[in-house]
Amino acid sequence: MVSGTAPIEPDGGCAEGAEAQAERCLTIICDALRELGARPEDVVRTRMYIVDAADAEAVGRAHRRALGDARPAATMVVVAGLLDPRWRVEIEAEAALRQPG
């Protein structure tokens, strides 16, 4: 499980738009999964927390691009706010590694 993934750039900055922020969250998630030997296709569940319902479509587009054909069970919830007021989205993901054989 990769939890509480925020759209923080390596320099501590943060993109402004929800789609770019979602892309950053998903890049962090996919990089963490690869470090563990998993792939984006192994993601079975995601939770996306957004601060504005109007961002749902943009966040969904980023989700589809990053996870491709994985089609995990996905939940998107509108929340009152996130830890940093610049953040428009935060994403969690769960992956299941398939055993060979």
N, C-alpha and C. Protein backbone atom coordinates (compact mmCIF):
# COMPACT_ATOMS: atom_id res chain seq x y z
N MET A 1 0.84 -1.17 0.00
CA MET A 1 0.00 0.00 0.00
C MET A 1 0.88 1.23 0.00
N VAL A 2 0.53 2.18 -0.83
CA VAL A 2 1.19 3.48 -0.85
C VAL A 2 0.14 4.47 -0.39
N SER A 3 0.33 5.05 0.78
CA SER A 3 -0.72 5.91 1.33
C SER A 3 -0.28 7.35 1.41
N GLY A 4 -1.28 8.22 1.48
CA GLY A 4 -1.04 9.64 1.70
C GLY A 4 -0.07 10.27 0.72
N THR A 5 -0.21 9.96 -0.57
CA THR A 5 0.72 10.48 -1.55
C THR A 5 0.27 11.87 -1.99
N ALA A 6 1.09 12.85 -1.68
CA ALA A 6 0.80 14.25 -1.98
C ALA A 6 1.58 14.67 -3.23
N PRO A 7 1.13 15.73 -3.89
CA PRO A 7 1.74 16.16 -5.14
C PRO A 7 2.99 17.03 -4.97
N ILE A 8 3.92 16.56 -4.18
CA ILE A 8 5.11 17.34 -3.87
C ILE A 8 6.21 17.03 -4.88
N GLU A 9 6.75 18.07 -5.49
CA GLU A 9 7.87 17.93 -6.42
C GLU A 9 9.15 17.76 -5.62
N PRO A 10 10.21 17.23 -6.25
CA PRO A 10 11.48 17.03 -5.52
C PRO A 10 12.02 18.31 -4.87
N ASP A 11 11.72 19.47 -5.45
CA ASP A 11 12.21 20.72 -4.87
C ASP A 11 11.28 21.29 -3.79
N GLY A 12 10.21 20.52 -3.46
CA GLY A 12 9.26 20.96 -2.45
C GLY A 12 8.10 21.75 -3.02
N GLY A 13 8.17 22.07 -4.30
CA GLY A 13 7.10 22.82 -4.94
C GLY A 13 5.89 21.94 -5.22
N CYS A 14 4.91 22.56 -5.85
CA CYS A 14 3.65 21.87 -6.12
C CYS A 14 3.02 22.51 -7.36
N ALA A 15 2.65 21.69 -8.34
CA ALA A 15 1.96 22.20 -9.52
C ALA A 15 0.63 22.82 -9.09
N GLU A 16 0.08 23.68 -9.91
CA GLU A 16 -1.18 24.35 -9.55
C GLU A 16 -2.42 23.53 -9.90
N GLY A 17 -2.46 22.92 -11.06
CA GLY A 17 -3.67 22.24 -11.51
C GLY A 17 -3.85 20.85 -10.93
N ALA A 18 -5.11 20.45 -10.79
CA ALA A 18 -5.43 19.14 -10.22
C ALA A 18 -4.89 17.99 -11.06
N GLU A 19 -4.96 18.12 -12.38
CA GLU A 19 -4.48 17.02 -13.24
C GLU A 19 -2.97 16.84 -13.09
N ALA A 20 -2.23 17.94 -13.10
CA ALA A 20 -0.78 17.86 -12.91
C ALA A 20 -0.44 17.32 -11.52
N GLN A 21 -1.20 17.73 -10.52
CA GLN A 21 -0.97 17.22 -9.17
C GLN A 21 -1.25 15.72 -9.09
N ALA A 22 -2.33 15.28 -9.73
CA ALA A 22 -2.65 13.85 -9.73
C ALA A 22 -1.55 13.07 -10.45
N GLU A 23 -1.06 13.62 -11.56
CA GLU A 23 0.04 12.95 -12.27
C GLU A 23 1.25 12.80 -11.36
N ARG A 24 1.57 13.84 -10.60
CA ARG A 24 2.71 13.77 -9.68
C ARG A 24 2.48 12.71 -8.60
N CYS A 25 1.30 12.69 -8.01
CA CYS A 25 0.98 11.67 -7.01
C CYS A 25 1.16 10.28 -7.59
N LEU A 26 0.64 10.08 -8.78
CA LEU A 26 0.68 8.74 -9.40
C LEU A 26 2.10 8.37 -9.82
N THR A 27 2.91 9.34 -10.19
CA THR A 27 4.32 9.05 -10.49
C THR A 27 5.03 8.57 -9.23
N ILE A 28 4.78 9.26 -8.12
CA ILE A 28 5.39 8.84 -6.84
C ILE A 28 4.93 7.43 -6.49
N ILE A 29 3.65 7.16 -6.64
CA ILE A 29 3.11 5.83 -6.34
C ILE A 29 3.74 4.77 -7.22
N CYS A 30 3.78 5.00 -8.53
CA CYS A 30 4.33 4.01 -9.45
C CYS A 30 5.82 3.78 -9.20
N ASP A 31 6.56 4.84 -8.88
CA ASP A 31 7.98 4.69 -8.53
C ASP A 31 8.15 3.84 -7.28
N ALA A 32 7.32 4.08 -6.26
CA ALA A 32 7.40 3.29 -5.02
C ALA A 32 7.07 1.83 -5.29
N LEU A 33 6.07 1.58 -6.12
CA LEU A 33 5.72 0.20 -6.46
C LEU A 33 6.86 -0.50 -7.18
N ARG A 34 7.48 0.19 -8.13
CA ARG A 34 8.60 -0.41 -8.87
C ARG A 34 9.75 -0.78 -7.94
N GLU A 35 9.99 0.07 -6.93
CA GLU A 35 11.05 -0.25 -5.96
C GLU A 35 10.77 -1.55 -5.23
N LEU A 36 9.50 -1.93 -5.14
CA LEU A 36 9.10 -3.16 -4.46
C LEU A 36 8.89 -4.32 -5.43
N GLY A 37 9.18 -4.09 -6.71
CA GLY A 37 9.00 -5.15 -7.69
C GLY A 37 7.61 -5.24 -8.28
N ALA A 38 6.78 -4.23 -8.04
CA ALA A 38 5.41 -4.21 -8.57
C ALA A 38 5.36 -3.25 -9.76
N ARG A 39 4.26 -3.34 -10.48
CA ARG A 39 4.03 -2.48 -11.64
C ARG A 39 2.69 -1.76 -11.49
N PRO A 40 2.47 -0.73 -12.27
CA PRO A 40 1.15 -0.07 -12.20
C PRO A 40 0.00 -1.05 -12.45
N GLU A 41 0.23 -2.05 -13.27
CA GLU A 41 -0.80 -3.05 -13.56
C GLU A 41 -1.19 -3.88 -12.34
N ASP A 42 -0.36 -3.84 -11.29
CA ASP A 42 -0.63 -4.60 -10.07
C ASP A 42 -1.53 -3.84 -9.09
N VAL A 43 -1.84 -2.59 -9.39
CA VAL A 43 -2.70 -1.80 -8.51
C VAL A 43 -4.12 -2.35 -8.56
N VAL A 44 -4.67 -2.64 -7.37
CA VAL A 44 -6.02 -3.21 -7.29
C VAL A 44 -7.03 -2.24 -6.68
N ARG A 45 -6.56 -1.19 -6.01
CA ARG A 45 -7.48 -0.24 -5.39
C ARG A 45 -6.80 1.12 -5.26
N THR A 46 -7.55 2.18 -5.54
CA THR A 46 -7.06 3.53 -5.30
C THR A 46 -8.12 4.34 -4.58
N ARG A 47 -7.65 5.31 -3.82
CA ARG A 47 -8.52 6.28 -3.16
C ARG A 47 -7.97 7.65 -3.49
N MET A 48 -8.82 8.49 -4.05
CA MET A 48 -8.41 9.83 -4.44
C MET A 48 -9.21 10.83 -3.64
N TYR A 49 -8.52 11.71 -2.95
CA TYR A 49 -9.15 12.74 -2.14
C TYR A 49 -8.95 14.07 -2.88
N ILE A 50 -10.04 14.73 -3.21
CA ILE A 50 -9.96 15.99 -3.93
C ILE A 50 -10.70 17.07 -3.13
N VAL A 51 -10.27 18.31 -3.32
CA VAL A 51 -10.89 19.39 -2.56
C VAL A 51 -11.98 20.12 -3.35
N ASP A 52 -12.12 19.79 -4.63
CA ASP A 52 -13.14 20.43 -5.47
C ASP A 52 -13.71 19.40 -6.43
N ALA A 53 -14.99 19.18 -6.37
CA ALA A 53 -15.64 18.20 -7.24
C ALA A 53 -15.41 18.50 -8.72
N ALA A 54 -15.19 19.75 -9.06
CA ALA A 54 -14.93 20.13 -10.44
C ALA A 54 -13.62 19.53 -10.98
N ASP A 55 -12.75 19.06 -10.09
CA ASP A 55 -11.48 18.46 -10.48
C ASP A 55 -11.60 16.96 -10.78
N ALA A 56 -12.74 16.37 -10.56
CA ALA A 56 -12.89 14.92 -10.69
C ALA A 56 -12.49 14.41 -12.07
N GLU A 57 -12.94 15.07 -13.12
CA GLU A 57 -12.63 14.59 -14.47
C GLU A 57 -11.12 14.66 -14.75
N ALA A 58 -10.48 15.73 -14.36
CA ALA A 58 -9.04 15.90 -14.59
C ALA A 58 -8.25 14.84 -13.82
N VAL A 59 -8.63 14.61 -12.59
CA VAL A 59 -7.94 13.60 -11.77
C VAL A 59 -8.18 12.22 -12.36
N GLY A 60 -9.38 11.96 -12.82
CA GLY A 60 -9.69 10.68 -13.46
C GLY A 60 -8.86 10.45 -14.71
N ARG A 61 -8.64 11.48 -15.51
CA ARG A 61 -7.80 11.35 -16.71
C ARG A 61 -6.38 10.94 -16.34
N ALA A 62 -5.82 11.60 -15.34
CA ALA A 62 -4.47 11.27 -14.90
C ALA A 62 -4.41 9.83 -14.38
N HIS A 63 -5.43 9.44 -13.66
CA HIS A 63 -5.53 8.07 -13.11
C HIS A 63 -5.53 7.05 -14.25
N ARG A 64 -6.34 7.28 -15.27
CA ARG A 64 -6.40 6.36 -16.42
C ARG A 64 -5.07 6.27 -17.14
N ARG A 65 -4.42 7.41 -17.36
CA ARG A 65 -3.13 7.41 -18.06
C ARG A 65 -2.08 6.63 -17.27
N ALA A 66 -2.03 6.85 -15.97
CA ALA A 66 -0.98 6.23 -15.15
C ALA A 66 -1.18 4.74 -14.96
N LEU A 67 -2.44 4.31 -14.84
CA LEU A 67 -2.70 2.91 -14.51
C LEU A 67 -3.14 2.07 -15.71
N GLY A 68 -3.33 2.70 -16.84
CA GLY A 68 -3.61 1.97 -18.07
C GLY A 68 -4.76 1.00 -17.95
N ASP A 69 -4.47 -0.25 -18.28
CA ASP A 69 -5.50 -1.28 -18.29
C ASP A 69 -5.74 -1.91 -16.93
N ALA A 70 -5.08 -1.43 -15.88
CA ALA A 70 -5.22 -2.06 -14.56
C ALA A 70 -6.66 -2.00 -14.06
N ARG A 71 -7.33 -0.89 -14.25
CA ARG A 71 -8.71 -0.69 -13.82
C ARG A 71 -8.97 -1.14 -12.37
N PRO A 72 -8.25 -0.55 -11.43
CA PRO A 72 -8.47 -0.91 -10.03
C PRO A 72 -9.82 -0.41 -9.52
N ALA A 73 -10.28 -1.02 -8.45
CA ALA A 73 -11.43 -0.45 -7.75
C ALA A 73 -10.98 0.94 -7.30
N ALA A 74 -11.80 1.94 -7.58
CA ALA A 74 -11.37 3.31 -7.30
C ALA A 74 -12.47 4.09 -6.60
N THR A 75 -12.07 4.88 -5.63
CA THR A 75 -12.98 5.76 -4.92
C THR A 75 -12.42 7.18 -4.99
N MET A 76 -13.29 8.14 -5.27
CA MET A 76 -12.89 9.54 -5.25
C MET A 76 -13.82 10.26 -4.28
N VAL A 77 -13.22 10.96 -3.33
CA VAL A 77 -13.98 11.62 -2.26
C VAL A 77 -13.62 13.10 -2.24
N VAL A 78 -14.63 13.94 -2.14
CA VAL A 78 -14.39 15.37 -1.98
C VAL A 78 -14.25 15.64 -0.48
N VAL A 79 -13.15 16.29 -0.13
CA VAL A 79 -12.87 16.60 1.28
C VAL A 79 -12.80 18.12 1.47
N ALA A 80 -12.93 18.55 2.70
CA ALA A 80 -12.92 19.98 3.00
C ALA A 80 -11.54 20.60 2.78
N GLY A 81 -10.49 19.82 2.94
CA GLY A 81 -9.14 20.35 2.76
C GLY A 81 -8.12 19.25 2.96
N LEU A 82 -6.90 19.53 2.52
CA LEU A 82 -5.78 18.62 2.71
C LEU A 82 -4.72 19.33 3.55
N LEU A 83 -3.69 18.64 3.93
CA LEU A 83 -2.69 19.18 4.85
C LEU A 83 -2.09 20.50 4.37
N ASP A 84 -1.78 20.58 3.09
CA ASP A 84 -1.21 21.80 2.52
C ASP A 84 -2.29 22.47 1.67
N PRO A 85 -2.59 23.72 1.88
CA PRO A 85 -3.68 24.37 1.13
C PRO A 85 -3.43 24.45 -0.38
N ARG A 86 -2.19 24.24 -0.84
CA ARG A 86 -1.90 24.22 -2.28
C ARG A 86 -2.38 22.93 -2.93
N TRP A 87 -2.50 21.87 -2.14
CA TRP A 87 -2.84 20.57 -2.70
C TRP A 87 -4.31 20.51 -3.08
N ARG A 88 -4.58 20.01 -4.28
CA ARG A 88 -5.95 19.81 -4.75
C ARG A 88 -6.32 18.33 -4.72
N VAL A 89 -5.30 17.47 -4.58
CA VAL A 89 -5.54 16.02 -4.62
C VAL A 89 -4.47 15.29 -3.80
N GLU A 90 -4.88 14.20 -3.21
CA GLU A 90 -3.98 13.26 -2.53
C GLU A 90 -4.48 11.87 -2.89
N ILE A 91 -3.56 10.94 -3.14
CA ILE A 91 -3.96 9.63 -3.64
C ILE A 91 -3.31 8.52 -2.82
N GLU A 92 -4.08 7.46 -2.58
CA GLU A 92 -3.58 6.22 -1.96
C GLU A 92 -3.77 5.09 -2.97
N ALA A 93 -2.90 4.09 -2.91
CA ALA A 93 -3.03 2.95 -3.81
C ALA A 93 -2.64 1.67 -3.10
N GLU A 94 -3.30 0.59 -3.48
CA GLU A 94 -2.96 -0.74 -2.99
C GLU A 94 -2.66 -1.61 -4.20
N ALA A 95 -1.62 -2.42 -4.08
CA ALA A 95 -1.24 -3.33 -5.17
C ALA A 95 -1.13 -4.74 -4.62
N ALA A 96 -1.37 -5.69 -5.49
CA ALA A 96 -1.22 -7.11 -5.14
C ALA A 96 -0.26 -7.73 -6.14
N LEU A 97 0.83 -8.27 -5.63
CA LEU A 97 1.77 -8.94 -6.51
C LEU A 97 1.29 -10.35 -6.79
N ARG A 98 1.28 -10.71 -8.03
CA ARG A 98 0.86 -12.04 -8.42
C ARG A 98 2.03 -13.01 -8.29
N GLN A 99 1.75 -14.13 -7.70
CA GLN A 99 2.78 -15.15 -7.52
C GLN A 99 2.96 -15.93 -8.82
N PRO A 100 4.21 -16.17 -9.24
CA PRO A 100 4.41 -16.96 -10.45
C PRO A 100 3.90 -18.38 -10.27
N GLY A 101 3.48 -18.95 -11.37
CA GLY A 101 3.08 -20.37 -11.31
C GLY A 101 1.70 -20.55 -11.47
